[in-house]
Amino acid sequence: MRKSFQYAGEGLAWAFHNHRNFRIYVGIGIVATVLASFLGVSKTEFIIVLFTIAFCLIAELLNTAVEEITDLITIKWSHQAKIAKDVGASLSLIAAATAVIIGILIFTPYFVRL
């Protein structure tokens, strides 16, 4: 079991060091968490923010896995590889768009009160 955690940590570290979008999502997640704490959002809203951050990071990790596997098994350009990569990218796009909407819905009332 300890090895499983080690491998998972290595995967997170690799994604963080090698994929700019993952670093961006981590940074935005940190900002959102600090902002939620600063604004004093409710416990339920805070949990929603955390789940939204996790959802985006998971989507980006899945996209990265699809891209890496596609690169591993594809020697030359193919239409199927393009589809796999495009669908993986759309996964991250949908997660990010959903996160923006959730962020607007949660944070706007707190900003209006300031």
PDB file of N, CA and C in Angstrom:
ATOM      1  N   MET A   1       0.830  -1.187   0.000  1.00  0.00           N
ATOM      2  CA  MET A   1       0.000   0.000   0.000  1.00  0.00           C
ATOM      3  C   MET A   1       0.877   1.253   0.000  1.00  0.00           C
ATOM      4  N   ARG A   2       1.982   1.205   0.700  1.00  0.00           N
ATOM      5  CA  ARG A   2       2.882   2.350   0.732  1.00  0.00           C
ATOM      6  C   ARG A   2       3.418   2.669  -0.657  1.00  0.00           C
ATOM      7  N   LYS A   3       3.706   1.633  -1.432  1.00  0.00           N
ATOM      8  CA  LYS A   3       4.186   1.824  -2.807  1.00  0.00           C
ATOM      9  C   LYS A   3       3.123   2.519  -3.653  1.00  0.00           C
ATOM     10  N   SER A   4       1.857   2.183  -3.426  1.00  0.00           N
ATOM     11  CA  SER A   4       0.771   2.812  -4.179  1.00  0.00           C
ATOM     12  C   SER A   4       0.754   4.316  -3.956  1.00  0.00           C
ATOM     13  N   PHE A   5       0.914   4.729  -2.691  1.00  0.00           N
ATOM     14  CA  PHE A   5       0.962   6.162  -2.388  1.00  0.00           C
ATOM     15  C   PHE A   5       2.199   6.801  -3.019  1.00  0.00           C
ATOM     16  N   GLN A   6       3.302   6.081  -2.994  1.00  0.00           N
ATOM     17  CA  GLN A   6       4.535   6.595  -3.598  1.00  0.00           C
ATOM     18  C   GLN A   6       4.333   6.808  -5.096  1.00  0.00           C
ATOM     19  N   TYR A   7       3.750   5.815  -5.786  1.00  0.00           N
ATOM     20  CA  TYR A   7       3.526   5.939  -7.229  1.00  0.00           C
ATOM     21  C   TYR A   7       2.556   7.079  -7.542  1.00  0.00           C
ATOM     22  N   ALA A   8       1.517   7.216  -6.718  1.00  0.00           N
ATOM     23  CA  ALA A   8       0.561   8.304  -6.915  1.00  0.00           C
ATOM     24  C   ALA A   8       1.245   9.655  -6.739  1.00  0.00           C
ATOM     25  N   GLY A   9       2.095   9.754  -5.736  1.00  0.00           N
ATOM     26  CA  GLY A   9       2.848  10.991  -5.514  1.00  0.00           C
ATOM     27  C   GLY A   9       3.779  11.305  -6.673  1.00  0.00           C
ATOM     28  N   GLU A  10       4.417  10.265  -7.202  1.00  0.00           N
ATOM     29  CA  GLU A  10       5.292  10.453  -8.361  1.00  0.00           C
ATOM     30  C   GLU A  10       4.503  10.927  -9.568  1.00  0.00           C
ATOM     31  N   GLY A  11       3.293  10.402  -9.742  1.00  0.00           N
ATOM     32  CA  GLY A  11       2.442  10.826 -10.847  1.00  0.00           C
ATOM     33  C   GLY A  11       2.024  12.285 -10.716  1.00  0.00           C
ATOM     34  N   LEU A  12       1.651  12.684  -9.499  1.00  0.00           N
ATOM     35  CA  LEU A  12       1.290  14.088  -9.268  1.00  0.00           C
ATOM     36  C   LEU A  12       2.486  15.005  -9.517  1.00  0.00           C
ATOM     37  N   ALA A  13       3.636  14.610  -9.017  1.00  0.00           N
ATOM     38  CA  ALA A  13       4.847  15.418  -9.200  1.00  0.00           C
ATOM     39  C   ALA A  13       5.192  15.534 -10.679  1.00  0.00           C
ATOM     40  N   TRP A  14       5.094  14.423 -11.406  1.00  0.00           N
ATOM     41  CA  TRP A  14       5.396  14.444 -12.842  1.00  0.00           C
ATOM     42  C   TRP A  14       4.444  15.376 -13.571  1.00  0.00           C
ATOM     43  N   ALA A  15       3.142  15.259 -13.278  1.00  0.00           N
ATOM     44  CA  ALA A  15       2.150  16.124 -13.938  1.00  0.00           C
ATOM     45  C   ALA A  15       2.421  17.584 -13.606  1.00  0.00           C
ATOM     46  N   PHE A  16       2.753  17.873 -12.353  1.00  0.00           N
ATOM     47  CA  PHE A  16       3.004  19.253 -11.944  1.00  0.00           C
ATOM     48  C   PHE A  16       4.228  19.826 -12.667  1.00  0.00           C
ATOM     49  N   HIS A  17       5.284  19.039 -12.778  1.00  0.00           N
ATOM     50  CA  HIS A  17       6.520  19.533 -13.382  1.00  0.00           C
ATOM     51  C   HIS A  17       6.482  19.555 -14.905  1.00  0.00           C
ATOM     52  N   ASN A  18       5.617  18.755 -15.520  1.00  0.00           N
ATOM     53  CA  ASN A  18       5.646  18.609 -16.970  1.00  0.00           C
ATOM     54  C   ASN A  18       4.445  19.184 -17.706  1.00  0.00           C
ATOM     55  N   HIS A  19       3.392  19.558 -16.984  1.00  0.00           N
ATOM     56  CA  HIS A  19       2.204  20.071 -17.670  1.00  0.00           C
ATOM     57  C   HIS A  19       1.781  21.413 -17.095  1.00  0.00           C
ATOM     58  N   ARG A  20       1.942  22.421 -17.927  1.00  0.00           N
ATOM     59  CA  ARG A  20       1.635  23.793 -17.527  1.00  0.00           C
ATOM     60  C   ARG A  20       0.196  23.939 -17.055  1.00  0.00           C
ATOM     61  N   ASN A  21      -0.754  23.338 -17.754  1.00  0.00           N
ATOM     62  CA  ASN A  21      -2.166  23.477 -17.366  1.00  0.00           C
ATOM     63  C   ASN A  21      -2.426  22.922 -15.972  1.00  0.00           C
ATOM     64  N   PHE A  22      -1.761  21.834 -15.622  1.00  0.00           N
ATOM     65  CA  PHE A  22      -1.939  21.277 -14.282  1.00  0.00           C
ATOM     66  C   PHE A  22      -1.441  22.267 -13.234  1.00  0.00           C
ATOM     67  N   ARG A  23      -0.290  22.884 -13.497  1.00  0.00           N
ATOM     68  CA  ARG A  23       0.231  23.902 -12.569  1.00  0.00           C
ATOM     69  C   ARG A  23      -0.727  25.085 -12.471  1.00  0.00           C
ATOM     70  N   ILE A  24      -1.297  25.491 -13.591  1.00  0.00           N
ATOM     71  CA  ILE A  24      -2.264  26.590 -13.584  1.00  0.00           C
ATOM     72  C   ILE A  24      -3.473  26.221 -12.730  1.00  0.00           C
ATOM     73  N   TYR A  25      -3.993  25.013 -12.898  1.00  0.00           N
ATOM     74  CA  TYR A  25      -5.157  24.577 -12.115  1.00  0.00           C
ATOM     75  C   TYR A  25      -4.835  24.512 -10.627  1.00  0.00           C
ATOM     76  N   VAL A  26      -3.634  24.044 -10.294  1.00  0.00           N
ATOM     77  CA  VAL A  26      -3.224  24.012  -8.882  1.00  0.00           C
ATOM     78  C   VAL A  26      -3.179  25.435  -8.337  1.00  0.00           C
ATOM     79  N   GLY A  27      -2.596  26.348  -9.091  1.00  0.00           N
ATOM     80  CA  GLY A  27      -2.515  27.742  -8.661  1.00  0.00           C
ATOM     81  C   GLY A  27      -3.882  28.374  -8.474  1.00  0.00           C
ATOM     82  N   ILE A  28      -4.764  28.156  -9.423  1.00  0.00           N
ATOM     83  CA  ILE A  28      -6.121  28.694  -9.310  1.00  0.00           C
ATOM     84  C   ILE A  28      -6.839  28.049  -8.125  1.00  0.00           C
ATOM     85  N   GLY A  29      -6.604  26.780  -7.910  1.00  0.00           N
ATOM     86  CA  GLY A  29      -7.207  26.095  -6.769  1.00  0.00           C
ATOM     87  C   GLY A  29      -6.758  26.688  -5.447  1.00  0.00           C
ATOM     88  N   ILE A  30      -5.481  27.006  -5.362  1.00  0.00           N
ATOM     89  CA  ILE A  30      -4.960  27.631  -4.137  1.00  0.00           C
ATOM     90  C   ILE A  30      -5.598  29.006  -3.941  1.00  0.00           C
ATOM     91  N   VAL A  31      -5.661  29.787  -5.014  1.00  0.00           N
ATOM     92  CA  VAL A  31      -6.286  31.116  -4.934  1.00  0.00           C
ATOM     93  C   VAL A  31      -7.751  30.995  -4.518  1.00  0.00           C
ATOM     94  N   ALA A  32      -8.471  30.063  -5.102  1.00  0.00           N
ATOM     95  CA  ALA A  32      -9.891  29.878  -4.769  1.00  0.00           C
ATOM     96  C   ALA A  32     -10.065  29.469  -3.311  1.00  0.00           C
ATOM     97  N   THR A  33      -9.188  28.615  -2.812  1.00  0.00           N
ATOM     98  CA  THR A  33      -9.273  28.174  -1.415  1.00  0.00           C
ATOM     99  C   THR A  33      -8.991  29.334  -0.454  1.00  0.00           C
ATOM    100  N   VAL A  34      -7.956  30.101  -0.761  1.00  0.00           N
ATOM    101  CA  VAL A  34      -7.631  31.262   0.075  1.00  0.00           C
ATOM    102  C   VAL A  34      -8.767  32.281   0.018  1.00  0.00           C
ATOM    103  N   LEU A  35      -9.294  32.524  -1.168  1.00  0.00           N
ATOM    104  CA  LEU A  35     -10.394  33.471  -1.339  1.00  0.00           C
ATOM    105  C   LEU A  35     -11.630  33.019  -0.564  1.00  0.00           C
ATOM    106  N   ALA A  36     -11.942  31.739  -0.644  1.00  0.00           N
ATOM    107  CA  ALA A  36     -13.094  31.208   0.091  1.00  0.00           C
ATOM    108  C   ALA A  36     -12.911  31.392   1.594  1.00  0.00           C
ATOM    109  N   SER A  37     -11.700  31.176   2.077  1.00  0.00           N
ATOM    110  CA  SER A  37     -11.423  31.378   3.501  1.00  0.00           C
ATOM    111  C   SER A  37     -11.534  32.852   3.876  1.00  0.00           C
ATOM    112  N   PHE A  38     -10.945  33.704   3.054  1.00  0.00           N
ATOM    113  CA  PHE A  38     -10.965  35.148   3.308  1.00  0.00           C
ATOM    114  C   PHE A  38     -12.387  35.709   3.315  1.00  0.00           C
ATOM    115  N   LEU A  39     -13.209  35.248   2.370  1.00  0.00           N
ATOM    116  CA  LEU A  39     -14.577  35.756   2.266  1.00  0.00           C
ATOM    117  C   LEU A  39     -15.517  35.125   3.287  1.00  0.00           C
ATOM    118  N   GLY A  40     -15.074  34.063   3.922  1.00  0.00           N
ATOM    119  CA  GLY A  40     -15.905  33.408   4.930  1.00  0.00           C
ATOM    120  C   GLY A  40     -17.115  32.699   4.352  1.00  0.00           C
ATOM    121  N   VAL A  41     -16.909  32.002   3.229  1.00  0.00           N
ATOM    122  CA  VAL A  41     -18.026  31.262   2.644  1.00  0.00           C
ATOM    123  C   VAL A  41     -18.504  30.198   3.625  1.00  0.00           C
ATOM    124  N   SER A  42     -19.713  29.754   3.432  1.00  0.00           N
ATOM    125  CA  SER A  42     -20.271  28.742   4.332  1.00  0.00           C
ATOM    126  C   SER A  42     -19.501  27.426   4.196  1.00  0.00           C
ATOM    127  N   LYS A  43     -19.691  26.562   5.171  1.00  0.00           N
ATOM    128  CA  LYS A  43     -19.019  25.260   5.157  1.00  0.00           C
ATOM    129  C   LYS A  43     -19.417  24.466   3.907  1.00  0.00           C
ATOM    130  N   THR A  44     -20.684  24.499   3.566  1.00  0.00           N
ATOM    131  CA  THR A  44     -21.161  23.781   2.380  1.00  0.00           C
ATOM    132  C   THR A  44     -20.528  24.345   1.114  1.00  0.00           C
ATOM    133  N   GLU A  45     -20.469  25.669   1.010  1.00  0.00           N
ATOM    134  CA  GLU A  45     -19.861  26.301  -0.160  1.00  0.00           C
ATOM    135  C   GLU A  45     -18.367  25.983  -0.227  1.00  0.00           C
ATOM    136  N   PHE A  46     -17.708  25.951   0.906  1.00  0.00           N
ATOM    137  CA  PHE A  46     -16.288  25.626   0.945  1.00  0.00           C
ATOM    138  C   PHE A  46     -16.055  24.200   0.437  1.00  0.00           C
ATOM    139  N   ILE A  47     -16.906  23.287   0.864  1.00  0.00           N
ATOM    140  CA  ILE A  47     -16.806  21.897   0.391  1.00  0.00           C
ATOM    141  C   ILE A  47     -17.022  21.835  -1.116  1.00  0.00           C
ATOM    142  N   ILE A  48     -17.980  22.608  -1.619  1.00  0.00           N
ATOM    143  CA  ILE A  48     -18.233  22.648  -3.068  1.00  0.00           C
ATOM    144  C   ILE A  48     -17.009  23.184  -3.798  1.00  0.00           C
ATOM    145  N   VAL A  49     -16.373  24.218  -3.258  1.00  0.00           N
ATOM    146  CA  VAL A  49     -15.158  24.764  -3.865  1.00  0.00           C
ATOM    147  C   VAL A  49     -14.073  23.687  -3.906  1.00  0.00           C
ATOM    148  N   LEU A  50     -13.878  22.973  -2.806  1.00  0.00           N
ATOM    149  CA  LEU A  50     -12.852  21.921  -2.766  1.00  0.00           C
ATOM    150  C   LEU A  50     -13.148  20.803  -3.767  1.00  0.00           C
ATOM    151  N   PHE A  51     -14.400  20.390  -3.847  1.00  0.00           N
ATOM    152  CA  PHE A  51     -14.765  19.347  -4.808  1.00  0.00           C
ATOM    153  C   PHE A  51     -14.585  19.833  -6.249  1.00  0.00           C
ATOM    154  N   THR A  52     -14.872  21.090  -6.491  1.00  0.00           N
ATOM    155  CA  THR A  52     -14.700  21.654  -7.829  1.00  0.00           C
ATOM    156  C   THR A  52     -13.229  21.675  -8.218  1.00  0.00           C
ATOM    157  N   ILE A  53     -12.374  22.057  -7.275  1.00  0.00           N
ATOM    158  CA  ILE A  53     -10.930  22.039  -7.525  1.00  0.00           C
ATOM    159  C   ILE A  53     -10.474  20.616  -7.827  1.00  0.00           C
ATOM    160  N   ALA A  54     -10.909  19.672  -7.014  1.00  0.00           N
ATOM    161  CA  ALA A  54     -10.535  18.271  -7.229  1.00  0.00           C
ATOM    162  C   ALA A  54     -11.028  17.773  -8.584  1.00  0.00           C
ATOM    163  N   PHE A  55     -12.247  18.149  -8.952  1.00  0.00           N
ATOM    164  CA  PHE A  55     -12.833  17.762 -10.240  1.00  0.00           C
ATOM    165  C   PHE A  55     -11.955  18.256 -11.391  1.00  0.00           C
ATOM    166  N   CYS A  56     -11.501  19.490 -11.317  1.00  0.00           N
ATOM    167  CA  CYS A  56     -10.653  20.050 -12.374  1.00  0.00           C
ATOM    168  C   CYS A  56      -9.294  19.354 -12.426  1.00  0.00           C
ATOM    169  N   LEU A  57      -8.700  19.111 -11.267  1.00  0.00           N
ATOM    170  CA  LEU A  57      -7.405  18.440 -11.247  1.00  0.00           C
ATOM    171  C   LEU A  57      -7.515  17.008 -11.775  1.00  0.00           C
ATOM    172  N   ILE A  58      -8.581  16.319 -11.403  1.00  0.00           N
ATOM    173  CA  ILE A  58      -8.798  14.956 -11.895  1.00  0.00           C
ATOM    174  C   ILE A  58      -8.988  14.963 -13.410  1.00  0.00           C
ATOM    175  N   ALA A  59      -9.776  15.908 -13.901  1.00  0.00           N
ATOM    176  CA  ALA A  59      -9.999  16.002 -15.349  1.00  0.00           C
ATOM    177  C   ALA A  59      -8.682  16.249 -16.085  1.00  0.00           C
ATOM    178  N   GLU A  60      -7.855  17.131 -15.543  1.00  0.00           N
ATOM    179  CA  GLU A  60      -6.567  17.424 -16.190  1.00  0.00           C
ATOM    180  C   GLU A  60      -5.640  16.210 -16.134  1.00  0.00           C
ATOM    181  N   LEU A  61      -5.655  15.473 -15.029  1.00  0.00           N
ATOM    182  CA  LEU A  61      -4.844  14.259 -14.941  1.00  0.00           C
ATOM    183  C   LEU A  61      -5.327  13.196 -15.934  1.00  0.00           C
ATOM    184  N   LEU A  62      -6.631  13.059 -16.083  1.00  0.00           N
ATOM    185  CA  LEU A  62      -7.169  12.107 -17.069  1.00  0.00           C
ATOM    186  C   LEU A  62      -6.771  12.518 -18.483  1.00  0.00           C
ATOM    187  N   ASN A  63      -6.865  13.804 -18.771  1.00  0.00           N
ATOM    188  CA  ASN A  63      -6.463  14.301 -20.076  1.00  0.00           C
ATOM    189  C   ASN A  63      -4.988  14.011 -20.330  1.00  0.00           C
ATOM    190  N   THR A  64      -4.166  14.243 -19.330  1.00  0.00           N
ATOM    191  CA  THR A  64      -2.736  13.978 -19.451  1.00  0.00           C
ATOM    192  C   THR A  64      -2.484  12.495 -19.699  1.00  0.00           C
ATOM    193  N   ALA A  65      -3.196  11.632 -18.980  1.00  0.00           N
ATOM    194  CA  ALA A  65      -3.035  10.185 -19.166  1.00  0.00           C
ATOM    195  C   ALA A  65      -3.419   9.773 -20.588  1.00  0.00           C
ATOM    196  N   VAL A  66      -4.523  10.314 -21.091  1.00  0.00           N
ATOM    197  CA  VAL A  66      -4.954  10.008 -22.463  1.00  0.00           C
ATOM    198  C   VAL A  66      -3.886  10.459 -23.458  1.00  0.00           C
ATOM    199  N   GLU A  67      -3.362  11.653 -23.278  1.00  0.00           N
ATOM    200  CA  GLU A  67      -2.333  12.163 -24.190  1.00  0.00           C
ATOM    201  C   GLU A  67      -1.078  11.295 -24.155  1.00  0.00           C
ATOM    202  N   GLU A  68      -0.633  10.937 -22.965  1.00  0.00           N
ATOM    203  CA  GLU A  68       0.585  10.136 -22.844  1.00  0.00           C
ATOM    204  C   GLU A  68       0.415   8.740 -23.431  1.00  0.00           C
ATOM    205  N   ILE A  69      -0.736   8.117 -23.160  1.00  0.00           N
ATOM    206  CA  ILE A  69      -0.990   6.778 -23.717  1.00  0.00           C
ATOM    207  C   ILE A  69      -1.082   6.849 -25.234  1.00  0.00           C
ATOM    208  N   THR A  70      -1.748   7.879 -25.744  1.00  0.00           N
ATOM    209  CA  THR A  70      -1.874   8.044 -27.191  1.00  0.00           C
ATOM    210  C   THR A  70      -0.495   8.215 -27.823  1.00  0.00           C
ATOM    211  N   ASP A  71       0.353   9.041 -27.206  1.00  0.00           N
ATOM    212  CA  ASP A  71       1.713   9.218 -27.732  1.00  0.00           C
ATOM    213  C   ASP A  71       2.521   7.924 -27.672  1.00  0.00           C
ATOM    214  N   LEU A  72       2.271   7.122 -26.646  1.00  0.00           N
ATOM    215  CA  LEU A  72       2.994   5.864 -26.494  1.00  0.00           C
ATOM    216  C   LEU A  72       2.645   4.869 -27.593  1.00  0.00           C
ATOM    217  N   ILE A  73       1.366   4.779 -27.942  1.00  0.00           N
ATOM    218  CA  ILE A  73       0.949   3.738 -28.887  1.00  0.00           C
ATOM    219  C   ILE A  73       0.857   4.219 -30.334  1.00  0.00           C
ATOM    220  N   THR A  74       1.048   5.524 -30.553  1.00  0.00           N
ATOM    221  CA  THR A  74       0.927   6.066 -31.900  1.00  0.00           C
ATOM    222  C   THR A  74       2.279   6.548 -32.387  1.00  0.00           C
ATOM    223  N   ILE A  75       2.758   5.916 -33.441  1.00  0.00           N
ATOM    224  CA  ILE A  75       4.051   6.295 -33.999  1.00  0.00           C
ATOM    225  C   ILE A  75       3.898   7.484 -34.939  1.00  0.00           C
ATOM    226  N   LYS A  76       2.843   7.486 -35.727  1.00  0.00           N
ATOM    227  CA  LYS A  76       2.615   8.577 -36.662  1.00  0.00           C
ATOM    228  C   LYS A  76       1.227   9.166 -36.435  1.00  0.00           C
ATOM    229  N   TRP A  77       0.977  10.290 -37.059  1.00  0.00           N
ATOM    230  CA  TRP A  77      -0.305  10.964 -36.903  1.00  0.00           C
ATOM    231  C   TRP A  77      -1.423  10.045 -37.374  1.00  0.00           C
ATOM    232  N   SER A  78      -2.517   9.997 -36.606  1.00  0.00           N
ATOM    233  CA  SER A  78      -3.706   9.262 -37.042  1.00  0.00           C
ATOM    234  C   SER A  78      -4.947  10.005 -36.581  1.00  0.00           C
ATOM    235  N   HIS A  79      -5.991   9.830 -37.335  1.00  0.00           N
ATOM    236  CA  HIS A  79      -7.255  10.507 -37.015  1.00  0.00           C
ATOM    237  C   HIS A  79      -7.785  10.042 -35.657  1.00  0.00           C
ATOM    238  N   GLN A  80      -7.666   8.754 -35.344  1.00  0.00           N
ATOM    239  CA  GLN A  80      -8.141   8.230 -34.073  1.00  0.00           C
ATOM    240  C   GLN A  80      -7.369   8.822 -32.896  1.00  0.00           C
ATOM    241  N   ALA A  81      -6.053   8.995 -33.060  1.00  0.00           N
ATOM    242  CA  ALA A  81      -5.248   9.599 -31.992  1.00  0.00           C
ATOM    243  C   ALA A  81      -5.680  11.050 -31.769  1.00  0.00           C
ATOM    244  N   LYS A  82      -5.956  11.760 -32.851  1.00  0.00           N
ATOM    245  CA  LYS A  82      -6.425  13.143 -32.740  1.00  0.00           C
ATOM    246  C   LYS A  82      -7.745  13.197 -31.987  1.00  0.00           C
ATOM    247  N   ILE A  83      -8.641  12.292 -32.312  1.00  0.00           N
ATOM    248  CA  ILE A  83      -9.940  12.250 -31.623  1.00  0.00           C
ATOM    249  C   ILE A  83      -9.740  11.990 -30.135  1.00  0.00           C
ATOM    250  N   ALA A  84      -8.896  11.016 -29.792  1.00  0.00           N
ATOM    251  CA  ALA A  84      -8.640  10.693 -28.379  1.00  0.00           C
ATOM    252  C   ALA A  84      -8.110  11.913 -27.642  1.00  0.00           C
ATOM    253  N   LYS A  85      -7.148  12.607 -28.241  1.00  0.00           N
ATOM    254  CA  LYS A  85      -6.574  13.785 -27.596  1.00  0.00           C
ATOM    255  C   LYS A  85      -7.586  14.927 -27.510  1.00  0.00           C
ATOM    256  N   ASP A  86      -8.372  15.122 -28.559  1.00  0.00           N
ATOM    257  CA  ASP A  86      -9.373  16.189 -28.553  1.00  0.00           C
ATOM    258  C   ASP A  86     -10.466  15.930 -27.523  1.00  0.00           C
ATOM    259  N   VAL A  87     -10.890  14.684 -27.408  1.00  0.00           N
ATOM    260  CA  VAL A  87     -11.912  14.345 -26.411  1.00  0.00           C
ATOM    261  C   VAL A  87     -11.343  14.520 -25.004  1.00  0.00           C
ATOM    262  N   GLY A  88     -10.097  14.114 -24.795  1.00  0.00           N
ATOM    263  CA  GLY A  88      -9.457  14.334 -23.504  1.00  0.00           C
ATOM    264  C   GLY A  88      -9.375  15.810 -23.162  1.00  0.00           C
ATOM    265  N   ALA A  89      -9.023  16.626 -24.151  1.00  0.00           N
ATOM    266  CA  ALA A  89      -8.952  18.071 -23.928  1.00  0.00           C
ATOM    267  C   ALA A  89     -10.329  18.650 -23.610  1.00  0.00           C
ATOM    268  N   SER A  90     -11.358  18.115 -24.252  1.00  0.00           N
ATOM    269  CA  SER A  90     -12.716  18.614 -23.979  1.00  0.00           C
ATOM    270  C   SER A  90     -13.138  18.286 -22.553  1.00  0.00           C
ATOM    271  N   LEU A  91     -12.636  17.193 -22.007  1.00  0.00           N
ATOM    272  CA  LEU A  91     -12.897  16.838 -20.614  1.00  0.00           C
ATOM    273  C   LEU A  91     -12.398  17.945 -19.684  1.00  0.00           C
ATOM    274  N   SER A  92     -11.178  18.398 -19.920  1.00  0.00           N
ATOM    275  CA  SER A  92     -10.615  19.482 -19.112  1.00  0.00           C
ATOM    276  C   SER A  92     -11.364  20.791 -19.333  1.00  0.00           C
ATOM    277  N   LEU A  93     -11.744  21.053 -20.571  1.00  0.00           N
ATOM    278  CA  LEU A  93     -12.473  22.285 -20.881  1.00  0.00           C
ATOM    279  C   LEU A  93     -13.815  22.337 -20.158  1.00  0.00           C
ATOM    280  N   ILE A  94     -14.545  21.245 -20.174  1.00  0.00           N
ATOM    281  CA  ILE A  94     -15.846  21.193 -19.495  1.00  0.00           C
ATOM    282  C   ILE A  94     -15.664  21.361 -17.993  1.00  0.00           C
ATOM    283  N   ALA A  95     -14.660  20.719 -17.432  1.00  0.00           N
ATOM    284  CA  ALA A  95     -14.394  20.856 -15.997  1.00  0.00           C
ATOM    285  C   ALA A  95     -14.064  22.304 -15.651  1.00  0.00           C
ATOM    286  N   ALA A  96     -13.213  22.948 -16.450  1.00  0.00           N
ATOM    287  CA  ALA A  96     -12.825  24.330 -16.186  1.00  0.00           C
ATOM    288  C   ALA A  96     -14.015  25.278 -16.327  1.00  0.00           C
ATOM    289  N   ALA A  97     -14.821  25.086 -17.356  1.00  0.00           N
ATOM    290  CA  ALA A  97     -15.999  25.940 -17.551  1.00  0.00           C
ATOM    291  C   ALA A  97     -16.984  25.773 -16.395  1.00  0.00           C
ATOM    292  N   THR A  98     -17.170  24.550 -15.956  1.00  0.00           N
ATOM    293  CA  THR A  98     -18.049  24.291 -14.815  1.00  0.00           C
ATOM    294  C   THR A  98     -17.507  24.959 -13.558  1.00  0.00           C
ATOM    295  N   ALA A  99     -16.196  24.901 -13.373  1.00  0.00           N
ATOM    296  CA  ALA A  99     -15.568  25.529 -12.206  1.00  0.00           C
ATOM    297  C   ALA A  99     -15.764  27.041 -12.221  1.00  0.00           C
ATOM    298  N   VAL A 100     -15.657  27.638 -13.383  1.00  0.00           N
ATOM    299  CA  VAL A 100     -15.868  29.086 -13.492  1.00  0.00           C
ATOM    300  C   VAL A 100     -17.306  29.436 -13.095  1.00  0.00           C
ATOM    301  N   ILE A 101     -18.261  28.679 -13.594  1.00  0.00           N
ATOM    302  CA  ILE A 101     -19.669  28.933 -13.264  1.00  0.00           C
ATOM    303  C   ILE A 101     -19.904  28.767 -11.766  1.00  0.00           C
ATOM    304  N   ILE A 102     -19.383  27.695 -11.195  1.00  0.00           N
ATOM    305  CA  ILE A 102     -19.539  27.465  -9.754  1.00  0.00           C
ATOM    306  C   ILE A 102     -18.877  28.593  -8.965  1.00  0.00           C
ATOM    307  N   GLY A 103     -17.697  29.011  -9.395  1.00  0.00           N
ATOM    308  CA  GLY A 103     -17.006  30.111  -8.730  1.00  0.00           C
ATOM    309  C   GLY A 103     -17.815  31.397  -8.769  1.00  0.00           C
ATOM    310  N   ILE A 104     -18.385  31.699  -9.908  1.00  0.00           N
ATOM    311  CA  ILE A 104     -19.225  32.898 -10.028  1.00  0.00           C
ATOM    312  C   ILE A 104     -20.428  32.803  -9.100  1.00  0.00           C
ATOM    313  N   LEU A 105     -21.087  31.657  -9.096  1.00  0.00           N
ATOM    314  CA  LEU A 105     -22.282  31.489  -8.267  1.00  0.00           C
ATOM    315  C   LEU A 105     -21.969  31.573  -6.768  1.00  0.00           C
ATOM    316  N   ILE A 106     -20.823  31.046  -6.365  1.00  0.00           N
ATOM    317  CA  ILE A 106     -20.475  31.057  -4.937  1.00  0.00           C
ATOM    318  C   ILE A 106     -19.893  32.397  -4.506  1.00  0.00           C
ATOM    319  N   PHE A 107     -18.958  32.940  -5.274  1.00  0.00           N
ATOM    320  CA  PHE A 107     -18.224  34.120  -4.818  1.00  0.00           C
ATOM    321  C   PHE A 107     -18.930  35.451  -5.060  1.00  0.00           C
ATOM    322  N   THR A 108     -19.764  35.553  -6.093  1.00  0.00           N
ATOM    323  CA  THR A 108     -20.398  36.839  -6.419  1.00  0.00           C
ATOM    324  C   THR A 108     -21.165  37.446  -5.249  1.00  0.00           C
ATOM    325  N   PRO A 109     -22.012  36.710  -4.552  1.00  0.00           N
ATOM    326  CA  PRO A 109     -22.745  37.338  -3.429  1.00  0.00           C
ATOM    327  C   PRO A 109     -21.814  37.891  -2.345  1.00  0.00           C
ATOM    328  N   TYR A 110     -20.668  37.239  -2.121  1.00  0.00           N
ATOM    329  CA  TYR A 110     -19.724  37.706  -1.119  1.00  0.00           C
ATOM    330  C   TYR A 110     -19.020  38.988  -1.583  1.00  0.00           C
ATOM    331  N   PHE A 111     -18.713  39.072  -2.873  1.00  0.00           N
ATOM    332  CA  PHE A 111     -18.105  40.288  -3.399  1.00  0.00           C
ATOM    333  C   PHE A 111     -19.096  41.452  -3.393  1.00  0.00           C
ATOM    334  N   VAL A 112     -20.349  41.156  -3.667  1.00  0.00           N
ATOM    335  CA  VAL A 112     -21.379  42.203  -3.667  1.00  0.00           C
ATOM    336  C   VAL A 112     -21.509  42.812  -2.258  1.00  0.00           C
ATOM    337  N   ARG A 113     -21.377  41.985  -1.229  1.00  0.00           N
ATOM    338  CA  ARG A 113     -21.484  42.460   0.153  1.00  0.00           C
ATOM    339  C   ARG A 113     -20.300  43.325   0.571  1.00  0.00           C
ATOM    340  N   LEU A 114     -19.154  43.166  -0.080  1.00  0.00           N
ATOM    341  CA  LEU A 114     -17.970  43.969   0.276  1.00  0.00           C
ATOM    342  C   LEU A 114     -18.220  45.358  -0.162  1.00  0.00           C
TER     343      LEU A 114
END
